[in-house]
Amino acid sequence: MLFPDGKFLSHLSIFEEAGLIRLEAVFLFNESRLPPDIAALAVEDARELARAIMDGVFQGRTQHVLSDHAKIALIFNPNGFVLRFGDEPALRELFVASPAIIRLAQGLLRIVDRASATPAH
């Protein structure tokens, strides 16, 4: 689920655009036509978020990613995780079930790997 919109997601779209790693929601419903944007992260911030996710899963505790451009909290709960992107009034909260959080980390690391690849000749 994504708040403050209160919308269920079928999945996340993770892609690179203009040097940023973008996370966008694919909603099950969106009659209000709200934009799907969740976050736009620098490559290093996306890598740190993936690491924080894995730390949160294996250590069973809340993690943070703080940089000049990102403020993200990964909040550990027994039934899942809450990712908090940014501050009020632009705060976006993404509720993710435990099995899906590792897939999110893998998706982030795959796109980070692609964005960090040396261009072919």
PDB file of N, CA and C in Angstrom:
ATOM      1  N   MET A   1       0.845  -1.180   0.000  1.00  0.00           N
ATOM      2  CA  MET A   1       0.000   0.000   0.000  1.00  0.00           C
ATOM      3  C   MET A   1       0.882   1.232   0.000  1.00  0.00           C
ATOM      4  N   LEU A   2       0.385   2.278  -0.621  1.00  0.00           N
ATOM      5  CA  LEU A   2       1.092   3.548  -0.666  1.00  0.00           C
ATOM      6  C   LEU A   2       0.231   4.614  -0.002  1.00  0.00           C
ATOM      7  N   PHE A   3       0.817   5.270   0.966  1.00  0.00           N
ATOM      8  CA  PHE A   3       0.151   6.387   1.642  1.00  0.00           C
ATOM      9  C   PHE A   3       0.953   7.652   1.399  1.00  0.00           C
ATOM     10  N   PRO A   4       0.393   8.834   1.342  1.00  0.00           N
ATOM     11  CA  PRO A   4      -0.924   9.186   1.840  1.00  0.00           C
ATOM     12  C   PRO A   4      -2.056   8.885   0.874  1.00  0.00           C
ATOM     13  N   ASP A   5      -1.776   8.348  -0.307  1.00  0.00           N
ATOM     14  CA  ASP A   5      -2.819   8.105  -1.305  1.00  0.00           C
ATOM     15  C   ASP A   5      -3.792   7.010  -0.890  1.00  0.00           C
ATOM     16  N   GLY A   6      -3.340   6.057  -0.073  1.00  0.00           N
ATOM     17  CA  GLY A   6      -4.208   4.963   0.352  1.00  0.00           C
ATOM     18  C   GLY A   6      -4.560   4.032  -0.783  1.00  0.00           C
ATOM     19  N   LYS A   7      -3.574   3.707  -1.595  1.00  0.00           N
ATOM     20  CA  LYS A   7      -3.815   2.860  -2.767  1.00  0.00           C
ATOM     21  C   LYS A   7      -3.013   1.558  -2.659  1.00  0.00           C
ATOM     22  N   PHE A   8      -3.660   0.470  -3.085  1.00  0.00           N
ATOM     23  CA  PHE A   8      -2.972  -0.812  -3.165  1.00  0.00           C
ATOM     24  C   PHE A   8      -2.162  -0.858  -4.453  1.00  0.00           C
ATOM     25  N   LEU A   9      -1.001  -1.495  -4.380  1.00  0.00           N
ATOM     26  CA  LEU A   9      -0.141  -1.655  -5.550  1.00  0.00           C
ATOM     27  C   LEU A   9      -0.176  -3.100  -6.007  1.00  0.00           C
ATOM     28  N   SER A  10      -0.109  -3.289  -7.324  1.00  0.00           N
ATOM     29  CA  SER A  10       0.074  -4.647  -7.837  1.00  0.00           C
ATOM     30  C   SER A  10       1.561  -4.958  -7.900  1.00  0.00           C
ATOM     31  N   HIS A  11       2.369  -3.938  -8.201  1.00  0.00           N
ATOM     32  CA  HIS A  11       3.824  -4.077  -8.174  1.00  0.00           C
ATOM     33  C   HIS A  11       4.483  -2.711  -8.296  1.00  0.00           C
ATOM     34  N   LEU A  12       5.811  -2.719  -8.189  1.00  0.00           N
ATOM     35  CA  LEU A  12       6.612  -1.508  -8.349  1.00  0.00           C
ATOM     36  C   LEU A  12       7.340  -1.558  -9.675  1.00  0.00           C
ATOM     37  N   SER A  13       7.522  -0.412 -10.263  1.00  0.00           N
ATOM     38  CA  SER A  13       8.340  -0.283 -11.461  1.00  0.00           C
ATOM     39  C   SER A  13       9.618   0.441 -11.034  1.00  0.00           C
ATOM     40  N   ILE A  14      10.767  -0.168 -11.327  1.00  0.00           N
ATOM     41  CA  ILE A  14      12.065   0.417 -10.986  1.00  0.00           C
ATOM     42  C   ILE A  14      12.834   0.582 -12.285  1.00  0.00           C
ATOM     43  N   PHE A  15      13.251   1.809 -12.585  1.00  0.00           N
ATOM     44  CA  PHE A  15      13.964   2.057 -13.831  1.00  0.00           C
ATOM     45  C   PHE A  15      14.891   3.256 -13.677  1.00  0.00           C
ATOM     46  N   GLU A  16      15.801   3.381 -14.634  1.00  0.00           N
ATOM     47  CA  GLU A  16      16.733   4.510 -14.646  1.00  0.00           C
ATOM     48  C   GLU A  16      16.238   5.542 -15.641  1.00  0.00           C
ATOM     49  N   GLU A  17      16.282   6.805 -15.221  1.00  0.00           N
ATOM     50  CA  GLU A  17      15.884   7.898 -16.098  1.00  0.00           C
ATOM     51  C   GLU A  17      16.693   9.131 -15.707  1.00  0.00           C
ATOM     52  N   ALA A  18      17.426   9.672 -16.661  1.00  0.00           N
ATOM     53  CA  ALA A  18      18.219  10.893 -16.450  1.00  0.00           C
ATOM     54  C   ALA A  18      19.185  10.756 -15.276  1.00  0.00           C
ATOM     55  N   GLY A  19      19.809   9.585 -15.161  1.00  0.00           N
ATOM     56  CA  GLY A  19      20.808   9.369 -14.117  1.00  0.00           C
ATOM     57  C   GLY A  19      20.237   9.090 -12.739  1.00  0.00           C
ATOM     58  N   LEU A  20      18.935   8.960 -12.629  1.00  0.00           N
ATOM     59  CA  LEU A  20      18.290   8.660 -11.355  1.00  0.00           C
ATOM     60  C   LEU A  20      17.597   7.303 -11.415  1.00  0.00           C
ATOM     61  N   ILE A  21      17.535   6.642 -10.277  1.00  0.00           N
ATOM     62  CA  ILE A  21      16.785   5.400 -10.151  1.00  0.00           C
ATOM     63  C   ILE A  21      15.403   5.796  -9.637  1.00  0.00           C
ATOM     64  N   ARG A  22      14.386   5.480 -10.431  1.00  0.00           N
ATOM     65  CA  ARG A  22      13.019   5.890 -10.105  1.00  0.00           C
ATOM     66  C   ARG A  22      12.197   4.688  -9.652  1.00  0.00           C
ATOM     67  N   LEU A  23      11.416   4.903  -8.620  1.00  0.00           N
ATOM     68  CA  LEU A  23      10.455   3.912  -8.148  1.00  0.00           C
ATOM     69  C   LEU A  23       9.071   4.479  -8.410  1.00  0.00           C
ATOM     70  N   GLU A  24       8.269   3.719  -9.139  1.00  0.00           N
ATOM     71  CA  GLU A  24       6.900   4.127  -9.433  1.00  0.00           C
ATOM     72  C   GLU A  24       5.940   3.001  -9.087  1.00  0.00           C
ATOM     73  N   ALA A  25       4.766   3.378  -8.652  1.00  0.00           N
ATOM     74  CA  ALA A  25       3.738   2.427  -8.273  1.00  0.00           C
ATOM     75  C   ALA A  25       2.915   2.027  -9.487  1.00  0.00           C
ATOM     76  N   VAL A  26       2.498   0.783  -9.497  1.00  0.00           N
ATOM     77  CA  VAL A  26       1.488   0.324 -10.441  1.00  0.00           C
ATOM     78  C   VAL A  26       0.289  -0.025  -9.568  1.00  0.00           C
ATOM     79  N   PHE A  27      -0.726   0.848  -9.614  1.00  0.00           N
ATOM     80  CA  PHE A  27      -1.870   0.746  -8.721  1.00  0.00           C
ATOM     81  C   PHE A  27      -2.894  -0.274  -9.206  1.00  0.00           C
ATOM     82  N   LEU A  28      -3.591  -0.894  -8.261  1.00  0.00           N
ATOM     83  CA  LEU A  28      -4.731  -1.743  -8.595  1.00  0.00           C
ATOM     84  C   LEU A  28      -5.929  -0.890  -8.996  1.00  0.00           C
ATOM     85  N   PHE A  29      -5.989   0.322  -8.467  1.00  0.00           N
ATOM     86  CA  PHE A  29      -7.039   1.275  -8.827  1.00  0.00           C
ATOM     87  C   PHE A  29      -6.454   2.675  -8.711  1.00  0.00           C
ATOM     88  N   ASN A  30      -6.903   3.573  -9.576  1.00  0.00           N
ATOM     89  CA  ASN A  30      -6.426   4.950  -9.523  1.00  0.00           C
ATOM     90  C   ASN A  30      -7.427   5.868 -10.232  1.00  0.00           C
ATOM     91  N   GLU A  31      -8.663   5.819  -9.800  1.00  0.00           N
ATOM     92  CA  GLU A  31      -9.703   6.668 -10.383  1.00  0.00           C
ATOM     93  C   GLU A  31      -9.354   8.150 -10.246  1.00  0.00           C
ATOM     94  N   SER A  32      -8.629   8.500  -9.174  1.00  0.00           N
ATOM     95  CA  SER A  32      -8.275   9.900  -8.932  1.00  0.00           C
ATOM     96  C   SER A  32      -7.102  10.356  -9.795  1.00  0.00           C
ATOM     97  N   ARG A  33      -6.498   9.427 -10.517  1.00  0.00           N
ATOM     98  CA  ARG A  33      -5.414   9.713 -11.452  1.00  0.00           C
ATOM     99  C   ARG A  33      -4.203  10.388 -10.795  1.00  0.00           C
ATOM    100  N   LEU A  34      -3.871   9.930  -9.594  1.00  0.00           N
ATOM    101  CA  LEU A  34      -2.697  10.450  -8.912  1.00  0.00           C
ATOM    102  C   LEU A  34      -1.442   9.933  -9.597  1.00  0.00           C
ATOM    103  N   PRO A  35      -0.373  10.716  -9.597  1.00  0.00           N
ATOM    104  CA  PRO A  35       0.865  10.266 -10.250  1.00  0.00           C
ATOM    105  C   PRO A  35       1.453   9.057  -9.524  1.00  0.00           C
ATOM    106  N   PRO A  36       2.141   8.190 -10.255  1.00  0.00           N
ATOM    107  CA  PRO A  36       2.667   6.962  -9.659  1.00  0.00           C
ATOM    108  C   PRO A  36       4.021   7.128  -8.954  1.00  0.00           C
ATOM    109  N   ASP A  37       4.570   8.335  -8.949  1.00  0.00           N
ATOM    110  CA  ASP A  37       5.908   8.561  -8.392  1.00  0.00           C
ATOM    111  C   ASP A  37       5.977   8.211  -6.908  1.00  0.00           C
ATOM    112  N   ILE A  38       6.998   7.448  -6.545  1.00  0.00           N
ATOM    113  CA  ILE A  38       7.276   7.166  -5.142  1.00  0.00           C
ATOM    114  C   ILE A  38       8.570   7.865  -4.744  1.00  0.00           C
ATOM    115  N   ALA A  39       9.639   7.635  -5.518  1.00  0.00           N
ATOM    116  CA  ALA A  39      10.925   8.247  -5.191  1.00  0.00           C
ATOM    117  C   ALA A  39      11.818   8.261  -6.425  1.00  0.00           C
ATOM    118  N   ALA A  40      12.741   9.209  -6.446  1.00  0.00           N
ATOM    119  CA  ALA A  40      13.809   9.279  -7.449  1.00  0.00           C
ATOM    120  C   ALA A  40      15.111   9.378  -6.669  1.00  0.00           C
ATOM    121  N   LEU A  41      15.983   8.387  -6.863  1.00  0.00           N
ATOM    122  CA  LEU A  41      17.197   8.274  -6.058  1.00  0.00           C
ATOM    123  C   LEU A  41      18.440   8.325  -6.929  1.00  0.00           C
ATOM    124  N   ALA A  42      19.492   8.922  -6.399  1.00  0.00           N
ATOM    125  CA  ALA A  42      20.802   8.814  -7.029  1.00  0.00           C
ATOM    126  C   ALA A  42      21.221   7.348  -6.970  1.00  0.00           C
ATOM    127  N   VAL A  43      22.107   6.953  -7.863  1.00  0.00           N
ATOM    128  CA  VAL A  43      22.540   5.551  -7.929  1.00  0.00           C
ATOM    129  C   VAL A  43      23.097   5.086  -6.582  1.00  0.00           C
ATOM    130  N   GLU A  44      23.941   5.883  -5.957  1.00  0.00           N
ATOM    131  CA  GLU A  44      24.531   5.480  -4.670  1.00  0.00           C
ATOM    132  C   GLU A  44      23.470   5.394  -3.577  1.00  0.00           C
ATOM    133  N   ASP A  45      22.481   6.285  -3.600  1.00  0.00           N
ATOM    134  CA  ASP A  45      21.398   6.215  -2.617  1.00  0.00           C
ATOM    135  C   ASP A  45      20.566   4.957  -2.818  1.00  0.00           C
ATOM    136  N   ALA A  46      20.340   4.565  -4.063  1.00  0.00           N
ATOM    137  CA  ALA A  46      19.607   3.332  -4.348  1.00  0.00           C
ATOM    138  C   ALA A  46      20.386   2.118  -3.859  1.00  0.00           C
ATOM    139  N   ARG A  47      21.698   2.138  -4.056  1.00  0.00           N
ATOM    140  CA  ARG A  47      22.549   1.040  -3.567  1.00  0.00           C
ATOM    141  C   ARG A  47      22.477   0.969  -2.036  1.00  0.00           C
ATOM    142  N   GLU A  48      22.538   2.117  -1.379  1.00  0.00           N
ATOM    143  CA  GLU A  48      22.456   2.163   0.082  1.00  0.00           C
ATOM    144  C   GLU A  48      21.087   1.711   0.585  1.00  0.00           C
ATOM    145  N   LEU A  49      20.034   2.038  -0.153  1.00  0.00           N
ATOM    146  CA  LEU A  49      18.702   1.582   0.234  1.00  0.00           C
ATOM    147  C   LEU A  49      18.617   0.067   0.163  1.00  0.00           C
ATOM    148  N   ALA A  50      19.144  -0.532  -0.892  1.00  0.00           N
ATOM    149  CA  ALA A  50      19.144  -1.994  -1.010  1.00  0.00           C
ATOM    150  C   ALA A  50      19.912  -2.618   0.158  1.00  0.00           C
ATOM    151  N   ARG A  51      21.036  -2.016   0.510  1.00  0.00           N
ATOM    152  CA  ARG A  51      21.824  -2.518   1.647  1.00  0.00           C
ATOM    153  C   ARG A  51      21.034  -2.373   2.952  1.00  0.00           C
ATOM    154  N   ALA A  52      20.369  -1.234   3.134  1.00  0.00           N
ATOM    155  CA  ALA A  52      19.570  -1.013   4.336  1.00  0.00           C
ATOM    156  C   ALA A  52      18.421  -2.021   4.427  1.00  0.00           C
ATOM    157  N   ILE A  53      17.829  -2.345   3.279  1.00  0.00           N
ATOM    158  CA  ILE A  53      16.767  -3.353   3.268  1.00  0.00           C
ATOM    159  C   ILE A  53      17.296  -4.689   3.762  1.00  0.00           C
ATOM    160  N   MET A  54      18.436  -5.106   3.231  1.00  0.00           N
ATOM    161  CA  MET A  54      19.002  -6.391   3.646  1.00  0.00           C
ATOM    162  C   MET A  54      19.410  -6.371   5.116  1.00  0.00           C
ATOM    163  N   ASP A  55      19.990  -5.257   5.571  1.00  0.00           N
ATOM    164  CA  ASP A  55      20.317  -5.133   6.995  1.00  0.00           C
ATOM    165  C   ASP A  55      19.055  -5.229   7.840  1.00  0.00           C
ATOM    166  N   GLY A  56      17.989  -4.543   7.419  1.00  0.00           N
ATOM    167  CA  GLY A  56      16.737  -4.579   8.165  1.00  0.00           C
ATOM    168  C   GLY A  56      16.146  -5.972   8.252  1.00  0.00           C
ATOM    169  N   VAL A  57      16.235  -6.719   7.159  1.00  0.00           N
ATOM    170  CA  VAL A  57      15.705  -8.086   7.146  1.00  0.00           C
ATOM    171  C   VAL A  57      16.526  -8.993   8.059  1.00  0.00           C
ATOM    172  N   PHE A  58      17.847  -8.966   7.910  1.00  0.00           N
ATOM    173  CA  PHE A  58      18.687  -9.903   8.645  1.00  0.00           C
ATOM    174  C   PHE A  58      18.919  -9.499  10.096  1.00  0.00           C
ATOM    175  N   GLN A  59      18.877  -8.202  10.397  1.00  0.00           N
ATOM    176  CA  GLN A  59      19.066  -7.760  11.779  1.00  0.00           C
ATOM    177  C   GLN A  59      17.743  -7.570  12.504  1.00  0.00           C
ATOM    178  N   GLY A  60      16.646  -7.505  11.749  1.00  0.00           N
ATOM    179  CA  GLY A  60      15.338  -7.344  12.363  1.00  0.00           C
ATOM    180  C   GLY A  60      15.183  -6.013  13.075  1.00  0.00           C
ATOM    181  N   ARG A  61      15.666  -4.955  12.420  1.00  0.00           N
ATOM    182  CA  ARG A  61      15.528  -3.636  13.044  1.00  0.00           C
ATOM    183  C   ARG A  61      15.424  -2.539  11.991  1.00  0.00           C
ATOM    184  N   THR A  62      15.006  -1.371  12.422  1.00  0.00           N
ATOM    185  CA  THR A  62      14.829  -0.218  11.557  1.00  0.00           C
ATOM    186  C   THR A  62      16.176   0.283  11.047  1.00  0.00           C
ATOM    187  N   GLN A  63      16.187   0.745   9.782  1.00  0.00           N
ATOM    188  CA  GLN A  63      17.402   1.258   9.143  1.00  0.00           C
ATOM    189  C   GLN A  63      17.091   2.613   8.511  1.00  0.00           C
ATOM    190  N   HIS A  64      18.143   3.385   8.234  1.00  0.00           N
ATOM    191  CA  HIS A  64      17.981   4.695   7.597  1.00  0.00           C
ATOM    192  C   HIS A  64      18.987   4.884   6.478  1.00  0.00           C
ATOM    193  N   VAL A  65      18.570   5.620   5.455  1.00  0.00           N
ATOM    194  CA  VAL A  65      19.462   6.068   4.383  1.00  0.00           C
ATOM    195  C   VAL A  65      19.375   7.589   4.371  1.00  0.00           C
ATOM    196  N   LEU A  66      20.476   8.233   4.698  1.00  0.00           N
ATOM    197  CA  LEU A  66      20.523   9.691   4.748  1.00  0.00           C
ATOM    198  C   LEU A  66      21.677  10.173   3.891  1.00  0.00           C
ATOM    199  N   SER A  67      21.383  11.099   3.002  1.00  0.00           N
ATOM    200  CA  SER A  67      22.416  11.709   2.173  1.00  0.00           C
ATOM    201  C   SER A  67      21.992  13.147   1.896  1.00  0.00           C
ATOM    202  N   ASP A  68      22.751  13.817   1.049  1.00  0.00           N
ATOM    203  CA  ASP A  68      22.385  15.189   0.675  1.00  0.00           C
ATOM    204  C   ASP A  68      21.063  15.237  -0.080  1.00  0.00           C
ATOM    205  N   HIS A  69      20.710  14.114  -0.732  1.00  0.00           N
ATOM    206  CA  HIS A  69      19.526  14.108  -1.601  1.00  0.00           C
ATOM    207  C   HIS A  69      18.424  13.158  -1.142  1.00  0.00           C
ATOM    208  N   ALA A  70      18.717  12.280  -0.201  1.00  0.00           N
ATOM    209  CA  ALA A  70      17.729  11.263   0.190  1.00  0.00           C
ATOM    210  C   ALA A  70      17.561  11.219   1.704  1.00  0.00           C
ATOM    211  N   LYS A  71      16.318  11.029   2.092  1.00  0.00           N
ATOM    212  CA  LYS A  71      15.987  10.773   3.494  1.00  0.00           C
ATOM    213  C   LYS A  71      14.959   9.647   3.492  1.00  0.00           C
ATOM    214  N   ILE A  72      15.441   8.434   3.795  1.00  0.00           N
ATOM    215  CA  ILE A  72      14.595   7.248   3.718  1.00  0.00           C
ATOM    216  C   ILE A  72      14.715   6.480   5.027  1.00  0.00           C
ATOM    217  N   ALA A  73      13.591   6.044   5.556  1.00  0.00           N
ATOM    218  CA  ALA A  73      13.577   5.178   6.727  1.00  0.00           C
ATOM    219  C   ALA A  73      12.948   3.853   6.328  1.00  0.00           C
ATOM    220  N   LEU A  74      13.590   2.770   6.719  1.00  0.00           N
ATOM    221  CA  LEU A  74      13.037   1.429   6.559  1.00  0.00           C
ATOM    222  C   LEU A  74      12.645   0.987   7.960  1.00  0.00           C
ATOM    223  N   ILE A  75      11.358   0.924   8.214  1.00  0.00           N
ATOM    224  CA  ILE A  75      10.858   0.611   9.548  1.00  0.00           C
ATOM    225  C   ILE A  75      10.491  -0.860   9.603  1.00  0.00           C
ATOM    226  N   PHE A  76      11.146  -1.576  10.503  1.00  0.00           N
ATOM    227  CA  PHE A  76      10.916  -3.014  10.684  1.00  0.00           C
ATOM    228  C   PHE A  76       9.696  -3.226  11.569  1.00  0.00           C
ATOM    229  N   ASN A  77       8.810  -4.106  11.119  1.00  0.00           N
ATOM    230  CA  ASN A  77       7.652  -4.540  11.896  1.00  0.00           C
ATOM    231  C   ASN A  77       7.571  -6.057  11.790  1.00  0.00           C
ATOM    232  N   PRO A  78       7.002  -6.726  12.766  1.00  0.00           N
ATOM    233  CA  PRO A  78       6.916  -8.194  12.688  1.00  0.00           C
ATOM    234  C   PRO A  78       6.184  -8.708  11.450  1.00  0.00           C
ATOM    235  N   ASN A  79       5.242  -7.937  10.911  1.00  0.00           N
ATOM    236  CA  ASN A  79       4.452  -8.399   9.774  1.00  0.00           C
ATOM    237  C   ASN A  79       4.887  -7.808   8.443  1.00  0.00           C
ATOM    238  N   GLY A  80       5.939  -7.020   8.423  1.00  0.00           N
ATOM    239  CA  GLY A  80       6.380  -6.410   7.176  1.00  0.00           C
ATOM    240  C   GLY A  80       7.220  -5.180   7.435  1.00  0.00           C
ATOM    241  N   PHE A  81       7.342  -4.344   6.421  1.00  0.00           N
ATOM    242  CA  PHE A  81       8.197  -3.167   6.485  1.00  0.00           C
ATOM    243  C   PHE A  81       7.443  -1.947   5.982  1.00  0.00           C
ATOM    244  N   VAL A  82       7.831  -0.785   6.484  1.00  0.00           N
ATOM    245  CA  VAL A  82       7.323   0.477   5.982  1.00  0.00           C
ATOM    246  C   VAL A  82       8.529   1.279   5.512  1.00  0.00           C
ATOM    247  N   LEU A  83       8.499   1.678   4.255  1.00  0.00           N
ATOM    248  CA  LEU A  83       9.532   2.563   3.702  1.00  0.00           C
ATOM    249  C   LEU A  83       8.966   3.971   3.703  1.00  0.00           C
ATOM    250  N   ARG A  84       9.676   4.881   4.365  1.00  0.00           N
ATOM    251  CA  ARG A  84       9.240   6.284   4.426  1.00  0.00           C
ATOM    252  C   ARG A  84      10.223   7.119   3.612  1.00  0.00           C
ATOM    253  N   PHE A  85       9.728   7.733   2.547  1.00  0.00           N
ATOM    254  CA  PHE A  85      10.530   8.553   1.654  1.00  0.00           C
ATOM    255  C   PHE A  85      10.228  10.020   1.921  1.00  0.00           C
ATOM    256  N   GLY A  86      11.252  10.804   2.284  1.00  0.00           N
ATOM    257  CA  GLY A  86      11.096  12.241   2.443  1.00  0.00           C
ATOM    258  C   GLY A  86      10.487  12.649   3.767  1.00  0.00           C
ATOM    259  N   ASP A  87      10.042  13.903   3.791  1.00  0.00           N
ATOM    260  CA  ASP A  87       9.456  14.530   4.980  1.00  0.00           C
ATOM    261  C   ASP A  87       8.066  15.053   4.656  1.00  0.00           C
ATOM    262  N   GLU A  88       7.354  15.432   5.715  1.00  0.00           N
ATOM    263  CA  GLU A  88       6.082  16.119   5.521  1.00  0.00           C
ATOM    264  C   GLU A  88       6.348  17.415   4.770  1.00  0.00           C
ATOM    265  N   PRO A  89       5.552  17.923   3.919  1.00  0.00           N
ATOM    266  CA  PRO A  89       4.245  17.412   3.510  1.00  0.00           C
ATOM    267  C   PRO A  89       4.329  16.440   2.340  1.00  0.00           C
ATOM    268  N   ALA A  90       5.539  16.153   1.845  1.00  0.00           N
ATOM    269  CA  ALA A  90       5.699  15.284   0.673  1.00  0.00           C
ATOM    270  C   ALA A  90       6.025  13.841   1.063  1.00  0.00           C
ATOM    271  N   LEU A  91       5.768  13.462   2.302  1.00  0.00           N
ATOM    272  CA  LEU A  91       6.081  12.119   2.785  1.00  0.00           C
ATOM    273  C   LEU A  91       5.298  11.073   2.008  1.00  0.00           C
ATOM    274  N   ARG A  92       6.008  10.021   1.559  1.00  0.00           N
ATOM    275  CA  ARG A  92       5.391   8.869   0.904  1.00  0.00           C
ATOM    276  C   ARG A  92       5.737   7.648   1.743  1.00  0.00           C
ATOM    277  N   GLU A  93       4.733   6.880   2.132  1.00  0.00           N
ATOM    278  CA  GLU A  93       4.945   5.679   2.924  1.00  0.00           C
ATOM    279  C   GLU A  93       4.503   4.465   2.115  1.00  0.00           C
ATOM    280  N   LEU A  94       5.416   3.536   1.969  1.00  0.00           N
ATOM    281  CA  LEU A  94       5.154   2.320   1.212  1.00  0.00           C
ATOM    282  C   LEU A  94       5.183   1.139   2.172  1.00  0.00           C
ATOM    283  N   PHE A  95       4.059   0.453   2.306  1.00  0.00           N
ATOM    284  CA  PHE A  95       3.961  -0.721   3.166  1.00  0.00           C
ATOM    285  C   PHE A  95       4.258  -1.948   2.308  1.00  0.00           C
ATOM    286  N   VAL A  96       5.239  -2.743   2.738  1.00  0.00           N
ATOM    287  CA  VAL A  96       5.694  -3.897   1.951  1.00  0.00           C
ATOM    288  C   VAL A  96       5.693  -5.136   2.841  1.00  0.00           C
ATOM    289  N   ALA A  97       5.089  -6.213   2.358  1.00  0.00           N
ATOM    290  CA  ALA A  97       5.084  -7.474   3.093  1.00  0.00           C
ATOM    291  C   ALA A  97       6.497  -8.060   3.120  1.00  0.00           C
ATOM    292  N   SER A  98       6.763  -8.840   4.142  1.00  0.00           N
ATOM    293  CA  SER A  98       8.112  -9.387   4.329  1.00  0.00           C
ATOM    294  C   SER A  98       8.667 -10.136   3.114  1.00  0.00           C
ATOM    295  N   PRO A  99       7.907 -11.021   2.452  1.00  0.00           N
ATOM    296  CA  PRO A  99       8.495 -11.733   1.310  1.00  0.00           C
ATOM    297  C   PRO A  99       8.880 -10.807   0.149  1.00  0.00           C
ATOM    298  N   ALA A 100       8.169  -9.712  -0.021  1.00  0.00           N
ATOM    299  CA  ALA A 100       8.415  -8.826  -1.164  1.00  0.00           C
ATOM    300  C   ALA A 100       9.587  -7.879  -0.947  1.00  0.00           C
ATOM    301  N   ILE A 101      10.000  -7.662   0.276  1.00  0.00           N
ATOM    302  CA  ILE A 101      11.041  -6.665   0.536  1.00  0.00           C
ATOM    303  C   ILE A 101      12.382  -7.105  -0.048  1.00  0.00           C
ATOM    304  N   ILE A 102      12.680  -8.381  -0.026  1.00  0.00           N
ATOM    305  CA  ILE A 102      13.942  -8.858  -0.607  1.00  0.00           C
ATOM    306  C   ILE A 102      13.897  -8.739  -2.128  1.00  0.00           C
ATOM    307  N   ARG A 103      12.748  -8.956  -2.734  1.00  0.00           N
ATOM    308  CA  ARG A 103      12.622  -8.746  -4.182  1.00  0.00           C
ATOM    309  C   ARG A 103      12.829  -7.279  -4.541  1.00  0.00           C
ATOM    310  N   LEU A 104      12.396  -6.374  -3.680  1.00  0.00           N
ATOM    311  CA  LEU A 104      12.641  -4.949  -3.906  1.00  0.00           C
ATOM    312  C   LEU A 104      14.139  -4.654  -3.864  1.00  0.00           C
ATOM    313  N   ALA A 105      14.835  -5.216  -2.886  1.00  0.00           N
ATOM    314  CA  ALA A 105      16.293  -5.021  -2.809  1.00  0.00           C
ATOM    315  C   ALA A 105      16.973  -5.567  -4.058  1.00  0.00           C
ATOM    316  N   GLN A 106      16.564  -6.739  -4.519  1.00  0.00           N
ATOM    317  CA  GLN A 106      17.155  -7.319  -5.723  1.00  0.00           C
ATOM    318  C   GLN A 106      16.890  -6.432  -6.936  1.00  0.00           C
ATOM    319  N   GLY A 107      15.682  -5.936  -7.087  1.00  0.00           N
ATOM    320  CA  GLY A 107      15.358  -5.053  -8.203  1.00  0.00           C
ATOM    321  C   GLY A 107      16.196  -3.784  -8.186  1.00  0.00           C
ATOM    322  N   LEU A 108      16.362  -3.202  -7.007  1.00  0.00           N
ATOM    323  CA  LEU A 108      17.210  -2.013  -6.887  1.00  0.00           C
ATOM    324  C   LEU A 108      18.646  -2.316  -7.300  1.00  0.00           C
ATOM    325  N   LEU A 109      19.184  -3.437  -6.804  1.00  0.00           N
ATOM    326  CA  LEU A 109      20.577  -3.773  -7.122  1.00  0.00           C
ATOM    327  C   LEU A 109      20.765  -4.108  -8.595  1.00  0.00           C
ATOM    328  N   ARG A 110      19.773  -4.699  -9.224  1.00  0.00           N
ATOM    329  CA  ARG A 110      19.881  -4.988 -10.661  1.00  0.00           C
ATOM    330  C   ARG A 110      19.944  -3.708 -11.482  1.00  0.00           C
ATOM    331  N   ILE A 111      19.097  -2.717 -11.149  1.00  0.00           N
ATOM    332  CA  ILE A 111      19.101  -1.477 -11.925  1.00  0.00           C
ATOM    333  C   ILE A 111      20.327  -0.646 -11.576  1.00  0.00           C
ATOM    334  N   VAL A 112      20.815  -0.708 -10.349  1.00  0.00           N
ATOM    335  CA  VAL A 112      22.057  -0.031  -9.963  1.00  0.00           C
ATOM    336  C   VAL A 112      23.224  -0.620 -10.739  1.00  0.00           C
ATOM    337  N   ASP A 113      23.247  -1.942 -10.863  1.00  0.00           N
ATOM    338  CA  ASP A 113      24.304  -2.619 -11.633  1.00  0.00           C
ATOM    339  C   ASP A 113      24.277  -2.162 -13.087  1.00  0.00           C
ATOM    340  N   ARG A 114      23.099  -2.084 -13.671  1.00  0.00           N
ATOM    341  CA  ARG A 114      22.960  -1.637 -15.041  1.00  0.00           C
ATOM    342  C   ARG A 114      23.399  -0.179 -15.186  1.00  0.00           C
ATOM    343  N   ALA A 115      23.007   0.677 -14.247  1.00  0.00           N
ATOM    344  CA  ALA A 115      23.357   2.097 -14.310  1.00  0.00           C
ATOM    345  C   ALA A 115      24.848   2.322 -14.089  1.00  0.00           C
ATOM    346  N   SER A 116      25.504   1.406 -13.378  1.00  0.00           N
ATOM    347  CA  SER A 116      26.929   1.551 -13.080  1.00  0.00           C
ATOM    348  C   SER A 116      27.839   0.876 -14.106  1.00  0.00           C
ATOM    349  N   ALA A 117      27.267   0.203 -15.067  1.00  0.00           N
ATOM    350  CA  ALA A 117      28.067  -0.537 -16.056  1.00  0.00           C
ATOM    351  C   ALA A 117      28.874   0.427 -16.938  1.00  0.00           C
ATOM    352  N   THR A 118      30.061   0.006 -17.278  1.00  0.00           N
ATOM    353  CA  THR A 118      30.904   0.758 -18.204  1.00  0.00           C
ATOM    354  C   THR A 118      30.307   0.659 -19.599  1.00  0.00           C
ATOM    355  N   PRO A 119      30.123   1.783 -20.273  1.00  0.00           N
ATOM    356  CA  PRO A 119      29.540   1.728 -21.612  1.00  0.00           C
ATOM    357  C   PRO A 119      30.381   0.876 -22.569  1.00  0.00           C
ATOM    358  N   ALA A 120      29.710   0.137 -23.441  1.00  0.00           N
ATOM    359  CA  ALA A 120      30.413  -0.669 -24.438  1.00  0.00           C
ATOM    360  C   ALA A 120      31.006   0.241 -25.512  1.00  0.00           C
ATOM    361  N   HIS A 121      31.990  -0.269 -26.190  1.00  0.00           N
ATOM    362  CA  HIS A 121      32.662   0.514 -27.232  1.00  0.00           C
ATOM    363  C   HIS A 121      31.764   0.715 -28.424  1.00  0.00           C
TER     364      HIS A 121
END
